[in-house]
Amino acid sequence: MKDILRLSLPLSVWIAAFSGVYGLEGVVCSDRGAGAGLGLGQGRAVLVVAWVVAIAVQVGLIFGLRTPRFASAQPWVQRVSMILACVALVATVWSLLPVVTTSLCL
């Protein structure tokens, strides 16, 4: 059961971060974000922080999966989980990069 968690956790964290960051962008661009006193400058700062936190969590997963405490006893599970963690890190950087580099609220 732990091996399934090792294999699925990195990509699950990526999709949660993707959903959370783009949902947050929707709030920033909506009337509710402006009503809460969240301007575009503050909204961009919050989105950048969320992007950095998502990347840090993915890097933490890579290091965590390499520790003896969370490593799998089966070598193939260890290899596949590390590959998936690296894929999830690249996916996090790439899919959330437009939040940082493009203009908000088009």
N, C-alpha and C. Protein backbone atom coordinates (compact mmCIF):
# COMPACT_ATOMS: atom_id res chain seq x y z
N MET A 1 0.81 -1.19 0.00
CA MET A 1 0.00 0.00 0.00
C MET A 1 0.86 1.27 0.00
N LYS A 2 1.98 1.23 0.72
CA LYS A 2 2.86 2.39 0.75
C LYS A 2 3.51 2.63 -0.61
N ASP A 3 3.74 1.56 -1.36
CA ASP A 3 4.33 1.72 -2.68
C ASP A 3 3.38 2.48 -3.61
N ILE A 4 2.09 2.24 -3.50
CA ILE A 4 1.13 2.97 -4.31
C ILE A 4 1.17 4.46 -3.96
N LEU A 5 1.29 4.76 -2.69
CA LEU A 5 1.40 6.15 -2.25
C LEU A 5 2.68 6.79 -2.78
N ARG A 6 3.78 6.07 -2.73
CA ARG A 6 5.05 6.59 -3.25
C ARG A 6 4.95 6.92 -4.74
N LEU A 7 4.21 6.09 -5.47
CA LEU A 7 4.09 6.29 -6.91
C LEU A 7 3.10 7.40 -7.26
N SER A 8 2.06 7.56 -6.49
CA SER A 8 1.00 8.50 -6.86
C SER A 8 1.13 9.88 -6.23
N LEU A 9 1.86 10.01 -5.17
CA LEU A 9 1.91 11.27 -4.44
C LEU A 9 2.49 12.44 -5.26
N PRO A 10 3.61 12.30 -5.95
CA PRO A 10 4.16 13.47 -6.67
C PRO A 10 3.20 14.05 -7.71
N LEU A 11 2.58 13.21 -8.51
CA LEU A 11 1.67 13.73 -9.52
C LEU A 11 0.37 14.24 -8.90
N SER A 12 -0.04 13.66 -7.79
CA SER A 12 -1.21 14.17 -7.08
C SER A 12 -0.94 15.56 -6.50
N VAL A 13 0.25 15.77 -5.99
CA VAL A 13 0.62 17.09 -5.49
C VAL A 13 0.68 18.09 -6.63
N TRP A 14 1.18 17.67 -7.79
CA TRP A 14 1.22 18.56 -8.94
C TRP A 14 -0.18 18.99 -9.35
N ILE A 15 -1.11 18.07 -9.47
CA ILE A 15 -2.45 18.45 -9.93
C ILE A 15 -3.17 19.28 -8.88
N ALA A 16 -2.89 19.05 -7.61
CA ALA A 16 -3.48 19.88 -6.56
C ALA A 16 -2.92 21.30 -6.62
N ALA A 17 -1.61 21.41 -6.84
CA ALA A 17 -0.99 22.74 -6.96
C ALA A 17 -1.51 23.45 -8.21
N PHE A 18 -1.63 22.74 -9.30
CA PHE A 18 -2.15 23.32 -10.55
C PHE A 18 -3.56 23.86 -10.33
N SER A 19 -4.41 23.06 -9.73
CA SER A 19 -5.78 23.48 -9.48
C SER A 19 -5.84 24.65 -8.50
N GLY A 20 -5.03 24.58 -7.46
CA GLY A 20 -5.04 25.64 -6.46
C GLY A 20 -4.54 26.97 -7.00
N VAL A 21 -3.45 26.95 -7.75
CA VAL A 21 -2.87 28.20 -8.26
C VAL A 21 -3.78 28.83 -9.29
N TYR A 22 -4.32 28.05 -10.22
CA TYR A 22 -5.20 28.64 -11.22
C TYR A 22 -6.55 29.02 -10.64
N GLY A 23 -6.99 28.32 -9.61
CA GLY A 23 -8.20 28.75 -8.89
C GLY A 23 -7.95 30.07 -8.17
N LEU A 24 -6.77 30.20 -7.58
CA LEU A 24 -6.40 31.45 -6.93
C LEU A 24 -6.31 32.59 -7.93
N GLU A 25 -5.83 32.30 -9.12
CA GLU A 25 -5.80 33.33 -10.16
C GLU A 25 -7.21 33.77 -10.54
N GLY A 26 -8.13 32.84 -10.57
CA GLY A 26 -9.52 33.19 -10.84
C GLY A 26 -10.09 34.10 -9.76
N VAL A 27 -9.74 33.84 -8.51
CA VAL A 27 -10.20 34.69 -7.42
C VAL A 27 -9.58 36.08 -7.52
N VAL A 28 -8.30 36.13 -7.84
CA VAL A 28 -7.61 37.42 -7.96
C VAL A 28 -8.24 38.25 -9.08
N CYS A 29 -8.62 37.63 -10.16
CA CYS A 29 -9.17 38.36 -11.31
C CYS A 29 -10.67 38.63 -11.18
N SER A 30 -11.32 38.07 -10.20
CA SER A 30 -12.76 38.26 -10.07
C SER A 30 -13.07 39.50 -9.24
N ASP A 31 -14.34 39.83 -9.19
CA ASP A 31 -14.78 40.95 -8.36
C ASP A 31 -14.59 40.66 -6.88
N ARG A 32 -14.64 39.40 -6.51
CA ARG A 32 -14.45 39.04 -5.09
C ARG A 32 -13.03 39.34 -4.63
N GLY A 33 -12.07 39.15 -5.50
CA GLY A 33 -10.69 39.47 -5.14
C GLY A 33 -10.51 40.96 -4.93
N ALA A 34 -11.13 41.75 -5.79
CA ALA A 34 -11.05 43.21 -5.63
C ALA A 34 -11.84 43.64 -4.40
N GLY A 35 -12.95 42.99 -4.14
CA GLY A 35 -13.75 43.32 -2.96
C GLY A 35 -13.05 42.99 -1.66
N ALA A 36 -12.16 42.03 -1.71
CA ALA A 36 -11.41 41.64 -0.51
C ALA A 36 -10.16 42.50 -0.33
N GLY A 37 -9.98 43.47 -1.20
CA GLY A 37 -8.82 44.34 -1.09
C GLY A 37 -7.56 43.76 -1.70
N LEU A 38 -7.72 42.77 -2.57
CA LEU A 38 -6.58 42.12 -3.20
C LEU A 38 -6.41 42.70 -4.60
N GLY A 39 -5.47 43.62 -4.76
CA GLY A 39 -5.21 44.23 -6.06
C GLY A 39 -4.38 43.30 -6.93
N LEU A 40 -4.15 43.75 -8.16
CA LEU A 40 -3.39 42.90 -9.09
C LEU A 40 -1.94 42.73 -8.65
N GLY A 41 -1.35 43.76 -8.08
CA GLY A 41 0.03 43.64 -7.60
C GLY A 41 0.16 42.65 -6.46
N GLN A 42 -0.75 42.74 -5.51
CA GLN A 42 -0.75 41.80 -4.39
C GLN A 42 -1.13 40.40 -4.87
N GLY A 43 -2.07 40.35 -5.82
CA GLY A 43 -2.47 39.05 -6.36
C GLY A 43 -1.33 38.35 -7.07
N ARG A 44 -0.55 39.12 -7.84
CA ARG A 44 0.62 38.54 -8.52
C ARG A 44 1.61 38.02 -7.49
N ALA A 45 1.83 38.78 -6.41
CA ALA A 45 2.77 38.35 -5.37
C ALA A 45 2.29 37.05 -4.72
N VAL A 46 1.01 36.94 -4.46
CA VAL A 46 0.47 35.72 -3.86
C VAL A 46 0.62 34.54 -4.81
N LEU A 47 0.40 34.77 -6.10
CA LEU A 47 0.54 33.70 -7.09
C LEU A 47 1.99 33.26 -7.23
N VAL A 48 2.92 34.19 -7.19
CA VAL A 48 4.33 33.83 -7.26
C VAL A 48 4.75 33.03 -6.04
N VAL A 49 4.27 33.44 -4.87
CA VAL A 49 4.57 32.69 -3.65
C VAL A 49 3.98 31.28 -3.74
N ALA A 50 2.76 31.16 -4.25
CA ALA A 50 2.15 29.84 -4.39
C ALA A 50 2.95 28.98 -5.37
N TRP A 51 3.46 29.59 -6.44
CA TRP A 51 4.27 28.85 -7.41
C TRP A 51 5.57 28.36 -6.77
N VAL A 52 6.23 29.22 -6.01
CA VAL A 52 7.48 28.85 -5.34
C VAL A 52 7.23 27.76 -4.30
N VAL A 53 6.13 27.86 -3.56
CA VAL A 53 5.80 26.83 -2.57
C VAL A 53 5.53 25.49 -3.26
N ALA A 54 4.83 25.51 -4.38
CA ALA A 54 4.56 24.27 -5.11
C ALA A 54 5.86 23.62 -5.58
N ILE A 55 6.79 24.42 -6.06
CA ILE A 55 8.08 23.88 -6.49
C ILE A 55 8.85 23.33 -5.29
N ALA A 56 8.82 24.05 -4.19
CA ALA A 56 9.53 23.59 -2.98
C ALA A 56 8.95 22.28 -2.47
N VAL A 57 7.65 22.12 -2.54
CA VAL A 57 7.03 20.86 -2.10
C VAL A 57 7.48 19.71 -3.01
N GLN A 58 7.54 19.96 -4.31
CA GLN A 58 7.98 18.92 -5.23
C GLN A 58 9.44 18.55 -4.99
N VAL A 59 10.29 19.53 -4.76
CA VAL A 59 11.69 19.25 -4.45
C VAL A 59 11.79 18.48 -3.14
N GLY A 60 10.97 18.86 -2.17
CA GLY A 60 10.94 18.14 -0.90
C GLY A 60 10.52 16.69 -1.07
N LEU A 61 9.58 16.44 -1.98
CA LEU A 61 9.19 15.06 -2.26
C LEU A 61 10.33 14.27 -2.87
N ILE A 62 11.08 14.90 -3.76
CA ILE A 62 12.23 14.19 -4.37
C ILE A 62 13.23 13.80 -3.29
N PHE A 63 13.57 14.75 -2.42
CA PHE A 63 14.51 14.42 -1.34
C PHE A 63 13.91 13.44 -0.35
N GLY A 64 12.62 13.57 -0.08
CA GLY A 64 11.97 12.66 0.86
C GLY A 64 11.92 11.23 0.36
N LEU A 65 11.68 11.06 -0.92
CA LEU A 65 11.63 9.71 -1.48
C LEU A 65 13.00 9.05 -1.52
N ARG A 66 14.05 9.84 -1.39
CA ARG A 66 15.40 9.26 -1.41
C ARG A 66 15.88 8.86 -0.02
N THR A 67 15.21 9.31 1.03
CA THR A 67 15.64 8.98 2.39
C THR A 67 15.31 7.52 2.70
N PRO A 68 16.08 6.89 3.55
CA PRO A 68 15.82 5.49 3.90
C PRO A 68 14.45 5.29 4.56
N ARG A 69 13.97 6.30 5.25
CA ARG A 69 12.67 6.17 5.93
C ARG A 69 11.52 5.99 4.95
N PHE A 70 11.56 6.72 3.82
CA PHE A 70 10.47 6.67 2.85
C PHE A 70 10.80 5.88 1.60
N ALA A 71 12.00 5.35 1.52
CA ALA A 71 12.40 4.58 0.34
C ALA A 71 11.69 3.23 0.32
N SER A 72 11.48 2.75 -0.88
CA SER A 72 10.84 1.45 -1.04
C SER A 72 11.89 0.33 -0.94
N ALA A 73 11.43 -0.81 -0.49
CA ALA A 73 12.32 -1.97 -0.42
C ALA A 73 12.57 -2.55 -1.81
N GLN A 74 11.65 -2.29 -2.72
CA GLN A 74 11.79 -2.83 -4.08
C GLN A 74 12.47 -1.78 -4.97
N PRO A 75 13.55 -2.17 -5.63
CA PRO A 75 14.30 -1.19 -6.43
C PRO A 75 13.50 -0.56 -7.57
N TRP A 76 12.62 -1.34 -8.21
CA TRP A 76 11.88 -0.78 -9.33
C TRP A 76 10.88 0.28 -8.86
N VAL A 77 10.31 0.09 -7.69
CA VAL A 77 9.39 1.09 -7.15
C VAL A 77 10.16 2.36 -6.82
N GLN A 78 11.35 2.21 -6.29
CA GLN A 78 12.18 3.37 -5.97
C GLN A 78 12.52 4.14 -7.24
N ARG A 79 12.92 3.44 -8.30
CA ARG A 79 13.26 4.10 -9.56
C ARG A 79 12.06 4.80 -10.17
N VAL A 80 10.94 4.10 -10.24
CA VAL A 80 9.75 4.68 -10.85
C VAL A 80 9.23 5.86 -10.04
N SER A 81 9.27 5.77 -8.72
CA SER A 81 8.80 6.88 -7.91
C SER A 81 9.70 8.11 -8.08
N MET A 82 11.00 7.90 -8.22
CA MET A 82 11.90 9.03 -8.46
C MET A 82 11.67 9.64 -9.84
N ILE A 83 11.44 8.81 -10.84
CA ILE A 83 11.14 9.32 -12.18
C ILE A 83 9.85 10.13 -12.15
N LEU A 84 8.83 9.61 -11.50
CA LEU A 84 7.56 10.33 -11.42
C LEU A 84 7.69 11.63 -10.62
N ALA A 85 8.52 11.62 -9.60
CA ALA A 85 8.74 12.84 -8.82
C ALA A 85 9.44 13.90 -9.67
N CYS A 86 10.40 13.49 -10.49
CA CYS A 86 11.08 14.43 -11.38
C CYS A 86 10.13 14.95 -12.46
N VAL A 87 9.31 14.08 -12.99
CA VAL A 87 8.31 14.50 -13.97
C VAL A 87 7.34 15.50 -13.35
N ALA A 88 6.92 15.24 -12.12
CA ALA A 88 6.00 16.14 -11.43
C ALA A 88 6.65 17.50 -11.16
N LEU A 89 7.94 17.52 -10.85
CA LEU A 89 8.64 18.78 -10.65
C LEU A 89 8.69 19.58 -11.95
N VAL A 90 9.03 18.94 -13.05
CA VAL A 90 9.06 19.61 -14.34
C VAL A 90 7.67 20.10 -14.72
N ALA A 91 6.66 19.28 -14.48
CA ALA A 91 5.27 19.67 -14.79
C ALA A 91 4.84 20.86 -13.94
N THR A 92 5.25 20.90 -12.69
CA THR A 92 4.90 22.02 -11.82
C THR A 92 5.53 23.31 -12.33
N VAL A 93 6.81 23.26 -12.64
CA VAL A 93 7.49 24.46 -13.13
C VAL A 93 6.87 24.91 -14.45
N TRP A 94 6.68 23.97 -15.37
CA TRP A 94 6.24 24.32 -16.71
C TRP A 94 4.78 24.77 -16.74
N SER A 95 3.90 24.06 -16.08
CA SER A 95 2.47 24.38 -16.19
C SER A 95 2.07 25.60 -15.37
N LEU A 96 2.85 25.94 -14.35
CA LEU A 96 2.52 27.12 -13.55
C LEU A 96 3.37 28.33 -13.93
N LEU A 97 4.29 28.18 -14.86
CA LEU A 97 5.13 29.28 -15.29
C LEU A 97 4.33 30.44 -15.89
N PRO A 98 3.26 30.23 -16.64
CA PRO A 98 2.49 31.36 -17.17
C PRO A 98 1.92 32.29 -16.09
N VAL A 99 1.69 31.77 -14.92
CA VAL A 99 1.19 32.62 -13.83
C VAL A 99 2.23 33.69 -13.48
N VAL A 100 3.49 33.34 -13.59
CA VAL A 100 4.56 34.25 -13.21
C VAL A 100 4.98 35.14 -14.39
N THR A 101 4.92 34.62 -15.59
CA THR A 101 5.52 35.33 -16.73
C THR A 101 4.53 36.11 -17.59
N THR A 102 3.26 35.80 -17.54
CA THR A 102 2.30 36.50 -18.40
C THR A 102 1.46 37.47 -17.58
N SER A 103 0.73 38.30 -18.27
CA SER A 103 -0.11 39.28 -17.59
C SER A 103 -1.36 38.59 -17.03
N LEU A 104 -1.83 39.12 -15.92
CA LEU A 104 -3.02 38.58 -15.26
C LEU A 104 -4.28 39.18 -15.86
N CYS A 105 -5.35 38.47 -15.72
CA CYS A 105 -6.70 38.98 -15.98
C CYS A 105 -6.85 39.56 -17.38
N LEU A 106 -6.56 38.78 -18.37
CA LEU A 106 -6.71 39.27 -19.76
C LEU A 106 -8.14 39.46 -20.13
